Protein backbone atom coordinates (compact mmCIF):
# COMPACT_ATOMS: atom_id res chain seq x y z
CA MET A 1 0.00 0.00 0.00
CA THR A 2 1.55 3.29 -1.10
CA ARG A 3 1.03 6.52 0.78
CA HIS A 4 -0.83 8.87 -1.56
CA TRP A 5 -4.25 10.49 -1.55
CA THR A 6 -5.05 8.49 -4.67
CA ASP A 7 -4.08 5.17 -3.08
CA ALA A 8 -6.55 2.31 -2.91
CA VAL A 9 -4.78 -1.00 -3.58
CA PRO A 10 -6.84 -3.98 -2.39
CA ALA A 11 -4.98 -6.46 -0.20
CA GLU A 12 -7.51 -9.28 0.22
CA ARG A 13 -10.17 -11.28 -1.65
CA PHE A 14 -8.11 -10.95 -4.84
CA SER A 15 -5.41 -13.28 -6.05
CA ARG A 16 -1.78 -12.14 -5.68
CA GLY A 17 -1.75 -11.50 -9.41
CA HIS A 18 -4.62 -9.07 -9.05
CA VAL A 19 -2.80 -7.27 -6.27
CA VAL A 20 0.39 -6.88 -8.32
CA VAL A 21 -1.57 -5.46 -11.27
CA LEU A 22 -3.40 -3.02 -9.03
CA CYS A 23 -0.19 -1.90 -7.31
CA VAL A 24 1.44 -1.15 -10.67
CA ALA A 25 -1.65 0.73 -11.81
CA ALA A 26 -1.75 2.74 -8.61
CA ALA A 27 1.91 3.66 -9.03
CA LEU A 28 1.20 4.92 -12.55
CA LEU A 29 -1.71 6.95 -11.27
CA VAL A 30 0.43 8.52 -8.57
CA ALA A 31 3.20 9.28 -11.04
CA SER A 32 0.77 11.20 -13.23
CA GLY A 33 0.06 13.63 -10.41
CA VAL A 34 -2.68 14.21 -7.88
CA LEU A 35 -6.14 14.05 -9.38
CA PHE A 36 -8.05 17.31 -9.05
CA LEU A 37 -11.74 16.81 -9.59
CA SER A 38 -15.12 18.29 -8.89
CA GLU A 39 -18.33 16.39 -8.29
CA ALA A 40 -21.72 17.50 -9.55
CA PRO A 41 -24.56 17.49 -7.01
CA ARG A 42 -26.21 14.10 -6.69
CA SER A 43 -29.83 13.71 -7.68
CA GLY A 44 -32.09 13.16 -4.75
CA GLY A 45 -29.95 15.16 -2.34
CA SER A 46 -32.50 17.94 -2.15
CA ALA A 47 -35.14 15.47 -0.95
CA ILE A 48 -33.48 15.13 2.45
CA ASP A 49 -35.46 16.83 5.18
CA PRO A 50 -33.71 20.15 5.98
CA PRO A 51 -31.41 19.97 9.02
CA THR A 52 -31.42 22.39 11.88
CA PRO A 53 -28.31 24.60 12.18
CA ALA A 54 -27.29 22.85 15.39
CA ALA A 55 -27.45 19.46 13.70
CA VAL A 56 -25.22 20.52 10.82
CA HIS A 57 -22.44 21.52 13.20
CA PRO A 58 -22.54 19.12 16.16
CA PRO A 59 -20.13 19.77 19.03
CA VAL A 60 -16.58 18.51 18.69
CA HIS A 61 -16.03 15.36 20.72
CA PRO A 62 -13.19 15.44 23.23
CA VAL A 63 -10.04 13.48 22.46
CA ALA A 64 -8.65 11.10 25.04
CA PRO A 65 -5.27 11.95 26.56
CA ASP A 66 -3.61 8.74 25.36
CA ARG A 67 -1.49 9.89 22.43
CA ALA A 68 -4.22 12.39 21.58
CA ALA A 69 -3.55 15.11 19.07
CA GLN A 70 -0.53 17.02 20.33
CA PRO A 71 1.52 19.95 19.03
CA VAL A 72 4.10 18.88 16.48
CA ALA A 73 7.61 18.74 17.91
CA THR A 74 10.04 20.87 15.95
CA SER A 75 13.14 18.90 15.01
CA ALA A 76 16.67 20.23 14.71
CA GLN A 77 17.23 21.43 11.17
CA GLY A 78 20.34 20.75 9.15
CA PRO A 79 21.87 23.08 6.57
CA SER A 80 19.53 21.72 3.91
CA GLY A 81 16.44 22.51 5.98
CA GLN A 82 15.75 18.83 6.67
CA ASP A 83 15.79 17.08 10.01
CA GLN A 84 19.26 16.06 11.13
CA ASP A 85 17.87 12.71 12.20
CA ALA A 86 16.51 12.08 8.70
CA GLN A 87 19.91 11.70 7.04
CA HIS A 88 19.76 7.94 7.45
CA PRO A 89 16.71 5.68 7.90
CA SER A 90 18.03 4.10 11.10
CA ALA A 91 18.35 7.55 12.71
CA GLU A 92 14.59 7.56 13.05
CA PHE A 93 14.99 4.91 15.75
CA GLU A 94 18.29 5.76 17.42
CA GLY A 95 18.00 6.72 21.07
CA ASN A 96 14.49 5.27 21.24
CA LEU A 97 15.14 1.55 21.38
CA PRO A 98 13.66 -0.45 24.26
CA ALA A 99 15.86 -1.00 27.30
CA PRO A 100 18.00 -4.17 27.12
CA VAL A 101 16.05 -5.95 29.84
CA ALA A 102 12.71 -5.22 28.21
CA ALA A 103 14.04 -6.37 24.86
CA GLN A 104 15.16 -9.72 26.32
CA GLU A 105 12.09 -10.53 28.38
CA PRO A 106 8.83 -11.58 26.75
CA ALA A 107 6.01 -9.07 27.08
CA PRO A 108 3.04 -10.23 29.16
CA PRO A 109 -0.01 -11.36 27.19
CA ALA A 110 -2.26 -8.47 26.24
CA ALA A 111 -5.13 -10.10 28.11
CA SER A 112 -3.23 -9.70 31.39
CA LEU A 113 -2.82 -5.93 30.96
CA PRO A 114 -5.35 -3.28 31.99
CA ALA A 115 -7.99 -2.51 29.39
CA ALA A 116 -6.85 0.17 26.96
CA GLN A 117 -8.72 3.48 27.17
CA VAL A 118 -8.71 4.79 23.60
CA THR A 119 -11.31 7.34 22.56
CA TRP A 120 -11.30 7.93 18.82
CA PRO A 121 -12.80 10.93 17.04
CA THR A 122 -16.29 10.07 15.88
CA SER A 123 -17.80 10.23 12.41
CA ASP A 124 -20.81 12.20 13.67
CA ARG A 125 -19.76 15.18 11.51
CA TRP A 126 -17.50 13.82 8.75
CA LEU A 127 -17.56 10.28 7.39
CA HIS A 128 -14.27 10.34 5.51
CA PHE A 129 -10.65 9.67 6.49
CA SER A 130 -7.34 9.92 4.66
CA ALA A 131 -5.59 6.68 3.73
CA GLY A 132 -2.39 8.59 3.02
CA ALA A 133 -1.65 12.31 3.22
CA THR A 134 1.21 13.99 1.33
CA PRO A 135 2.18 17.66 1.04
CA GLY A 136 1.19 18.04 -2.64
CA PRO A 137 -2.53 18.83 -2.25
CA LEU A 138 -1.88 21.46 0.44
CA LYS A 139 -1.66 24.06 -2.34
CA TRP A 140 -5.45 23.77 -2.64
CA SER A 141 -6.05 24.76 0.97
CA GLY A 142 -9.30 26.64 1.48
CA PRO A 143 -12.35 26.88 3.77
CA ARG A 144 -14.03 23.80 2.26
CA THR A 145 -10.95 21.96 1.04
CA ASP A 146 -9.37 21.83 4.49
CA ALA A 147 -12.09 19.44 5.65
CA ILE A 148 -10.66 16.96 3.12
CA LEU A 149 -7.00 17.73 3.75
CA ALA A 150 -7.27 17.47 7.54
CA PRO A 151 -9.95 14.85 8.35
CA PRO A 152 -10.43 13.25 11.80
CA ILE A 153 -8.28 10.18 10.97
CA ILE A 154 -5.14 10.11 8.82
CA TRP A 155 -3.66 6.64 8.33
CA ALA A 156 -0.27 7.97 7.19
CA ALA A 157 1.34 11.39 6.69
CA GLN A 158 4.50 11.10 4.61
CA ALA A 159 6.58 13.05 2.10
CA SER A 160 8.80 11.82 -0.71
CA ALA A 161 12.19 13.35 -1.42
CA GLU A 162 10.60 15.41 -4.19
CA GLU A 163 8.08 16.72 -1.67
CA GLY A 164 10.80 17.83 0.75
CA GLY A 165 11.39 14.64 2.76
CA ALA A 166 11.53 15.35 6.47
CA ALA A 167 10.87 19.07 6.00
CA GLY A 168 7.88 18.27 3.78
CA GLN A 169 6.42 15.93 6.37
CA GLU A 170 6.94 18.52 9.08
CA ARG A 171 5.03 21.06 7.00
CA LEU A 172 2.25 18.53 6.42
CA LEU A 173 1.93 17.69 10.13
CA ARG A 174 1.87 21.37 11.05
CA PHE A 175 -0.86 22.06 8.48
CA ILE A 176 -3.03 19.21 9.75
CA ARG A 177 -2.64 20.22 13.41
CA GLN A 178 -3.51 23.85 12.64
CA ARG A 179 -6.62 22.98 10.61
CA ASN A 180 -7.84 20.15 12.80
CA PRO A 181 -6.25 20.00 16.28
CA GLY A 182 -8.24 16.86 17.08
CA ALA A 183 -7.01 14.85 14.09
CA ARG A 184 -5.31 11.52 14.79
CA ILE A 185 -2.29 10.79 12.62
CA GLY A 186 -0.79 7.33 12.21
CA ARG A 187 2.88 6.34 11.97
CA TYR A 188 2.86 3.99 9.02
CA PHE A 189 4.99 0.84 8.93
CA SER A 190 5.03 -2.08 6.54
CA CYS A 191 5.12 -4.31 9.54
CA CYS A 192 6.42 -7.66 8.31
CA THR A 193 8.78 -6.52 5.56
CA ILE A 194 11.75 -4.19 5.13
CA ARG A 195 12.30 -1.88 2.19
CA PRO A 196 16.05 -1.20 1.71
CA ARG A 197 15.44 2.13 -0.04
CA PRO A 198 12.59 4.01 1.60
CA LEU A 199 10.31 5.95 -0.72
CA TYR A 200 9.09 8.43 1.89
CA HIS A 201 9.87 10.16 5.13
CA PRO A 202 9.42 8.78 7.66
CA PRO A 203 10.58 5.42 6.24
CA GLU A 204 7.91 2.82 5.54
CA SER A 205 9.78 0.06 7.37
CA VAL A 206 12.31 -0.37 10.12
CA PRO A 207 15.90 -0.26 8.80
CA ALA A 208 17.38 -3.56 7.70
CA GLU A 209 20.54 -2.99 9.78
CA ALA A 210 18.41 -2.90 12.93
CA LEU A 211 17.32 -6.48 12.19
CA ASP A 212 20.66 -7.98 11.22
CA GLY A 213 20.34 -11.74 10.89
CA MET A 214 16.55 -11.58 11.33
CA LEU A 215 15.39 -11.46 7.71
CA MET A 216 14.15 -14.26 5.50
CA ASN A 217 15.39 -15.03 2.00
CA ALA A 218 11.85 -14.71 0.68
CA SER A 219 10.98 -11.42 -1.02
CA TRP A 220 7.65 -9.60 -1.02
CA SER A 221 7.21 -9.85 -4.79
CA PRO A 222 9.25 -10.38 -7.96
CA GLN A 223 8.87 -6.67 -8.66
CA GLU A 224 10.61 -5.84 -5.37
CA PRO A 225 13.31 -8.49 -4.85
CA GLY A 226 15.08 -6.37 -2.21
CA ARG A 227 11.95 -6.07 -0.08
CA ARG A 228 12.40 -9.06 2.19
CA TYR A 229 10.19 -10.59 4.83
CA ILE A 230 11.15 -10.32 8.48
CA ASP A 231 11.34 -13.73 10.14
CA ILE A 232 8.57 -13.10 12.66
CA ARG A 233 8.34 -16.83 13.37
CA ARG A 234 11.13 -16.25 15.90
CA GLU A 235 10.18 -14.92 19.33
CA ASP A 236 13.35 -12.83 19.69
CA VAL A 237 12.65 -11.17 16.34
CA ARG A 238 9.07 -10.35 17.34
CA ARG A 239 10.26 -8.70 20.56
CA ARG A 240 12.94 -6.71 18.75
CA LEU A 241 10.62 -5.63 15.94
CA ALA A 242 7.83 -4.60 18.32
CA GLY A 243 10.25 -2.41 20.26
CA LEU A 244 11.47 -0.73 17.07
CA LEU A 245 7.92 -0.06 15.88
CA VAL A 246 6.75 1.44 19.17
CA SER A 247 9.85 3.61 19.50
CA GLY A 248 9.49 4.77 15.90
CA ALA A 249 6.20 6.60 16.50
CA ARG A 250 7.67 9.88 17.68
CA ARG A 251 5.45 12.58 16.18
CA GLU A 252 2.25 10.65 15.50
CA ASN A 253 -0.73 9.50 17.56
CA PHE A 254 -1.02 5.80 16.73
CA LEU A 255 0.80 2.93 15.05
CA ALA A 256 -0.53 2.27 11.53
CA LEU A 257 0.67 -1.24 10.73
CA ASP A 258 0.38 -2.64 7.22
CA ASN A 259 0.81 -6.06 5.59
CA PHE A 260 -0.42 -8.34 8.34
CA ILE A 261 -1.62 -11.63 6.85
CA PHE A 262 -3.85 -14.06 8.70
CA GLU A 263 -5.68 -17.24 7.74
CA PHE A 264 -7.05 -16.02 4.42
CA GLY A 265 -3.99 -14.28 2.98
CA GLY A 266 -0.78 -15.49 1.39
CA ASN A 267 2.52 -16.54 2.93
CA PRO A 268 6.23 -16.30 2.09
CA ASP A 269 7.96 -19.05 0.18
CA GLY A 270 9.22 -21.71 2.55
CA THR A 271 6.34 -21.33 5.04
CA THR A 272 2.87 -22.75 5.30
CA ARG A 273 -0.17 -20.49 5.42
CA GLN A 274 -1.02 -21.61 8.95
CA GLU A 275 2.56 -21.15 10.16
CA TRP A 276 2.67 -17.59 8.83
CA SER A 277 -0.77 -16.77 10.18
CA ASP A 278 0.24 -17.97 13.65
CA ALA A 279 3.41 -15.86 13.47
CA ASN A 280 1.36 -12.79 12.53
CA TYR A 281 -0.97 -13.29 15.51
CA ALA A 282 2.02 -13.70 17.82
CA LEU A 283 3.65 -10.54 16.47
CA LEU A 284 0.44 -8.54 16.82
CA SER A 285 0.07 -9.66 20.43
CA GLU A 286 3.67 -8.62 21.20
CA ILE A 287 3.27 -5.22 19.53
CA TYR A 288 -0.01 -4.58 21.32
CA ALA A 289 1.48 -5.41 24.72
CA GLN A 290 4.47 -3.09 24.22
CA ALA A 291 2.36 -0.33 22.67
CA ARG A 292 -0.13 -0.34 25.55
CA ARG A 293 2.67 0.22 28.01
CA ALA A 294 3.58 3.29 25.92
CA ALA A 295 -0.09 4.44 25.72
CA LEU A 296 0.16 4.10 21.94
CA PRO A 297 -2.94 2.88 20.08
CA VAL A 298 -2.47 0.21 17.40
CA VAL A 299 -4.40 0.12 14.12
CA LEU A 300 -3.65 -2.51 11.51
CA ASN A 301 -4.39 -3.16 7.88
CA ALA A 302 -4.75 -6.89 7.45
CA ALA A 303 -5.71 -9.44 4.83
CA THR A 304 -8.74 -10.72 6.69
CA ARG A 305 -12.37 -11.66 6.40
CA PRO A 306 -14.21 -9.57 8.98
CA GLU A 307 -16.89 -12.17 9.53
CA GLU A 308 -14.29 -14.88 10.16
CA THR A 309 -11.27 -13.16 11.71
CA TRP A 310 -12.05 -9.84 13.35
CA ALA A 311 -13.24 -11.21 16.67
CA ARG A 312 -9.75 -12.61 17.25
CA VAL A 313 -7.80 -9.78 15.63
CA THR A 314 -9.53 -6.93 17.46
CA ALA A 315 -8.55 -8.43 20.82
CA HIS A 316 -5.01 -7.22 20.04
CA CYS A 317 -5.53 -3.82 18.42
CA ASP A 318 -7.48 -0.59 18.77
CA GLY A 319 -8.70 -0.39 15.20
CA ILE A 320 -8.68 -2.00 11.76
CA LEU A 321 -8.30 -0.67 8.23
CA PHE A 322 -9.97 -2.87 5.62
CA GLU A 323 -9.41 -2.66 1.85
CA MET A 324 -12.18 -4.96 0.65
CA PRO A 325 -15.42 -3.61 2.19
CA PHE A 326 -18.70 -4.81 0.70
CA HIS A 327 -16.87 -6.78 -1.95
CA PRO A 328 -18.91 -7.59 -5.10
CA ASN A 329 -18.81 -11.28 -4.19
CA MET A 330 -20.43 -10.46 -0.84
CA ARG A 331 -23.11 -8.28 -2.46
CA ARG A 332 -24.57 -11.31 -4.19
CA ASP A 333 -26.07 -12.53 -0.93
CA PRO A 334 -27.60 -10.21 1.70
CA ALA A 335 -26.88 -12.82 4.37
CA LEU A 336 -23.14 -12.55 3.65
CA LEU A 337 -23.33 -8.76 3.76
CA GLU A 338 -25.11 -8.90 7.10
CA ARG A 339 -22.37 -11.12 8.53
CA GLU A 340 -19.75 -8.63 7.39
CA MET A 341 -21.76 -5.71 8.79
CA ALA A 342 -22.20 -7.55 12.08
CA ALA A 343 -18.40 -7.81 12.34
CA TYR A 344 -18.11 -4.05 11.86
CA ARG A 345 -20.81 -3.49 14.46
CA ALA A 346 -19.09 -5.77 17.00
CA ALA A 347 -15.78 -3.91 16.56
CA LEU A 348 -17.50 -0.53 16.95
CA ASP A 349 -19.37 -1.71 20.05
CA ALA A 350 -15.98 -2.64 21.52
CA GLY A 351 -14.77 0.93 20.96
CA LYS A 352 -12.55 0.10 17.98
CA LEU A 353 -11.77 2.35 15.03
CA VAL A 354 -13.04 0.97 11.70
CA CYS A 355 -11.64 2.46 8.46
CA LEU A 356 -12.93 1.22 5.08
CA ILE A 357 -11.09 1.75 1.78
CA PRO A 358 -13.35 1.32 -1.29
CA ILE A 359 -12.19 -0.97 -4.07
CA THR A 360 -11.16 1.21 -7.02
CA PRO A 361 -9.39 -0.94 -9.64
CA ALA A 362 -7.31 0.91 -12.21
CA ASN A 363 -9.45 -0.34 -15.10
CA HIS A 364 -12.59 1.29 -13.67
CA THR A 365 -13.77 4.60 -15.04
CA LEU A 366 -13.69 7.70 -12.89
CA ALA A 367 -17.47 7.59 -12.56
CA GLN A 368 -17.31 3.98 -11.38
CA LYS A 369 -14.67 4.81 -8.76
CA LEU A 370 -16.66 7.73 -7.38
CA GLU A 371 -19.82 5.64 -7.28
CA GLU A 372 -18.00 2.84 -5.44
CA GLN A 373 -16.89 5.30 -2.77
CA ARG A 374 -20.48 6.44 -2.38
CA LEU A 375 -21.72 2.85 -2.17
CA VAL A 376 -19.25 1.94 0.57
CA ALA A 377 -20.17 5.12 2.44
CA ALA A 378 -23.81 4.07 2.26
CA GLY A 379 -22.90 0.66 3.68
CA ALA A 380 -21.11 2.39 6.55
CA MET A 381 -24.24 4.48 7.21
CA LEU A 382 -26.30 1.29 7.44
CA VAL A 383 -24.00 0.16 10.24
CA ARG A 384 -23.03 3.29 12.17
CA GLU A 385 -24.64 4.69 15.28
CA ALA A 386 -24.09 8.10 16.85
CA GLY A 387 -20.69 8.24 18.53
CA ASP A 388 -19.11 5.53 16.34
CA ALA A 389 -15.64 5.83 14.84
CA ILE A 390 -16.28 4.33 11.40
CA PHE A 391 -14.81 6.14 8.40
CA VAL A 392 -14.55 5.70 4.63
CA ALA A 393 -11.50 6.68 2.58
CA GLN A 394 -11.74 9.27 -0.12
CA THR A 395 -9.43 7.56 -2.59
CA LEU A 396 -9.63 10.25 -5.28
CA TYR A 397 -8.85 13.79 -4.27
CA GLN A 398 -11.54 16.39 -5.00
CA PRO A 399 -11.50 20.14 -4.28
CA THR A 400 -14.84 20.08 -2.43
CA PRO A 401 -16.36 17.41 -0.17
CA ALA A 402 -18.42 14.73 -1.87
CA ASP A 403 -21.99 14.57 -0.64
CA TRP A 404 -21.46 11.31 1.27
CA MET A 405 -18.78 12.84 3.48
CA GLU A 406 -21.42 14.91 5.27
CA TRP A 407 -24.17 12.31 5.46
CA PRO A 408 -23.90 11.82 9.25
CA ALA A 409 -24.56 15.54 9.85
CA ARG A 410 -27.10 15.94 7.05
CA LEU A 411 -29.17 12.84 7.84
CA GLY A 412 -28.91 12.99 11.62
CA PRO A 413 -29.21 10.04 14.02
CA ALA A 414 -30.53 6.71 12.77
CA GLN A 415 -34.11 5.85 13.64
CA GLY A 416 -33.73 2.14 14.18
CA ARG A 417 -31.98 -0.67 12.35
CA TYR A 418 -31.82 -1.08 8.58
CA ARG A 419 -34.46 -3.15 6.76
CA VAL A 420 -33.68 -5.86 4.20
CA GLU A 421 -35.89 -6.44 1.16
CA GLY A 422 -34.30 -8.80 -1.31
CA ARG A 423 -30.94 -7.28 -2.19
CA GLU A 424 -31.97 -3.82 -1.03
CA MET A 425 -31.29 -2.34 2.40
CA THR A 426 -33.06 0.75 3.72
CA ARG A 427 -32.50 2.79 6.84
CA GLU A 428 -34.37 5.77 8.20
CA PHE A 429 -32.62 8.72 9.82
CA GLU A 430 -33.91 11.76 11.60
CA ARG A 431 -33.89 13.87 8.43
CA GLY A 432 -34.01 11.40 5.59
CA VAL A 433 -33.94 7.86 4.28
CA LEU A 434 -31.03 6.03 2.67
CA ARG A 435 -31.61 3.08 0.37
CA VAL A 436 -28.89 0.80 -1.05
CA ASP A 437 -29.58 -1.45 -4.02
CA TRP A 438 -26.63 -3.84 -3.81
CA ALA A 439 -27.57 -5.64 -7.04
CA ALA A 440 -27.49 -2.43 -9.08
CA GLY A 441 -24.78 -0.74 -7.00
CA ARG A 442 -27.05 2.26 -6.54
CA VAL A 443 -27.64 4.59 -3.58
CA THR A 444 -30.70 6.83 -3.27
CA LEU A 445 -31.61 9.39 -0.65
CA GLY A 446 -35.11 10.61 0.10
CA SER A 447 -37.29 12.19 2.71
CA ARG A 448 -39.03 10.22 5.42
CA ALA A 449 -42.32 11.74 4.33
CA ALA A 450 -41.89 10.24 0.88
CA VAL A 451 -41.19 6.82 2.38
CA ARG A 452 -44.27 7.03 4.59
CA GLU A 453 -46.33 7.90 1.52
CA GLY A 454 -44.93 4.92 -0.35
CA GLY A 455 -42.48 6.91 -2.52
């Protein structure tokens, strides 16, 4: 998963071949520049019952003190204007490694630690989050644009060398904090692999020299032969890696961990699927235990099936990012969709953060990609209750908010559970009704009065 506003590379429910094709396509899209679009008003939007002024701008929810949004620390600047500690990838971790005793002793099981108290920003006002922020789009800053550039949740905030590296990321963090002091920003890591030549600042993986003798011969893909797997089957490696990850989150609010693979994903050459899945669970448990001692929330992006895996995964994290929400194969059967939605609901009821990235394959038209985002947002609205922290990624940058981003404020609180009629799901809200036709991939909004009259 690359770190750009236009990023939306699925990680699960496709074959590895699909994933490679999508990654290449995403890279080409990024190379062509940030997409700058506008969206025409959706039909049916005017049918929503008019909101009251107080409902359009609900009060801001307080942020918990655990790694809550904090002022950005200003780093020492070198002659080039970049951070002195950014001259080498391993400098990001120096002076922040776990103490020798802690690194040698196994962490206690997460279940034996006090319950984590993590309060996430809610989606009561805005439904969208950023899957990857970079400095480029900041040039379009404005009263309406800033709601997109500085949303409540930002999975990763990074800058390439062309975007200024460390200085560019510092500018990005400062911008986000000024526009949205309550925003939560993740420190992204490709958790189970190392990339010898980082593409961004801060680096996407821990430095290879910090894991000397702890790497596998297997590579992530033929396209990246130097990107090797970390041998997380070993307990000493898991302890060392967890310490490096926790210490590496210096300016951000939570750990954003990518490339976990459980029962339904792939596995490196030379391992079995079950062996690698067990190693991933063991690593996640170790990271969670160390991160909780540092009051650092953990959010992971994993190749999972929510209805099969989330109950176990969410016991060792504070949130999940999912790149295959409401997959077309699931839409064929409302019963399968309801199982997936029940997994989201269970995670939300447990206080977890749920972030959904719509599927936007490179061979889809722009209209199809925008409609997919809207469809996933509608699915999230079928699930969410007031006070939930469920968000949908805007995978294509636009200069003004899409209509679905403001649905929670425009529609108001839900008035009961959704109804299922064939392959359609309908839910009433205080100021409108939302209907999702999963067979046609269509979302319609209307007034409650029209529904009561049979419209």
